[in-house]
Amino acid sequence: MKRVILFASLTIAALSLSGCNTVEGVGKDIKSAGKAIESGANGAK
């Protein structure tokens, strides 16, 4: 579980540091972060 939280935190930090210029870009970043978290959670099962 700690790995999932760490991975999610690092992913979110990376996405926020990469910068989004538009609202659409923010939505895409949030969507990709969600997929990464879901993937990490599925891998931890």
Protein backbone atom coordinates (compact mmCIF):
# COMPACT_ATOMS: atom_id res chain seq x y z
CA MET A 1 0.00 0.00 0.00
CA LYS A 2 2.89 2.35 0.74
CA ARG A 3 4.20 1.81 -2.78
CA VAL A 4 0.87 2.83 -4.29
CA ILE A 5 0.74 6.01 -2.23
CA LEU A 6 4.35 6.84 -3.06
CA PHE A 7 3.79 6.18 -6.75
CA ALA A 8 0.62 8.27 -6.79
CA SER A 9 2.34 11.14 -4.97
CA LEU A 10 5.30 11.11 -7.33
CA THR A 11 3.03 10.96 -10.36
CA ILE A 12 0.92 13.87 -9.18
CA ALA A 13 4.03 15.90 -8.34
CA ALA A 14 5.54 15.21 -11.77
CA LEU A 15 2.35 16.18 -13.53
CA SER A 16 1.94 19.39 -11.59
CA LEU A 17 5.58 20.33 -12.17
CA SER A 18 5.30 19.71 -15.90
CA GLY A 19 2.82 22.57 -16.08
CA CYS A 20 -0.51 22.79 -17.80
CA ASN A 21 -1.28 25.75 -20.02
CA THR A 22 -4.99 25.14 -20.44
CA VAL A 23 -7.93 23.68 -18.59
CA GLU A 24 -7.95 20.87 -21.14
CA GLY A 25 -4.33 20.13 -20.29
CA VAL A 26 -5.19 19.92 -16.60
CA GLY A 27 -7.97 17.46 -17.37
CA LYS A 28 -5.63 15.27 -19.40
CA ASP A 29 -3.03 15.32 -16.64
CA ILE A 30 -5.58 14.36 -14.00
CA LYS A 31 -6.87 11.58 -16.22
CA SER A 32 -3.38 10.17 -16.76
CA ALA A 33 -2.64 10.42 -13.03
CA GLY A 34 -5.81 8.47 -12.30
CA LYS A 35 -4.80 5.77 -14.76
CA ALA A 36 -1.35 5.55 -13.18
CA ILE A 37 -2.85 5.21 -9.71
CA GLU A 38 -5.29 2.58 -10.93
CA SER A 39 -2.49 0.66 -12.61
CA GLY A 40 -0.39 0.79 -9.47
CA ALA A 41 -3.30 -0.36 -7.35
CA ASN A 42 -4.01 -3.27 -9.69
CA GLY A 43 -0.36 -4.26 -9.57
CA ALA A 44 -0.37 -4.24 -5.77
CA LYS A 45 -3.20 -6.79 -5.56
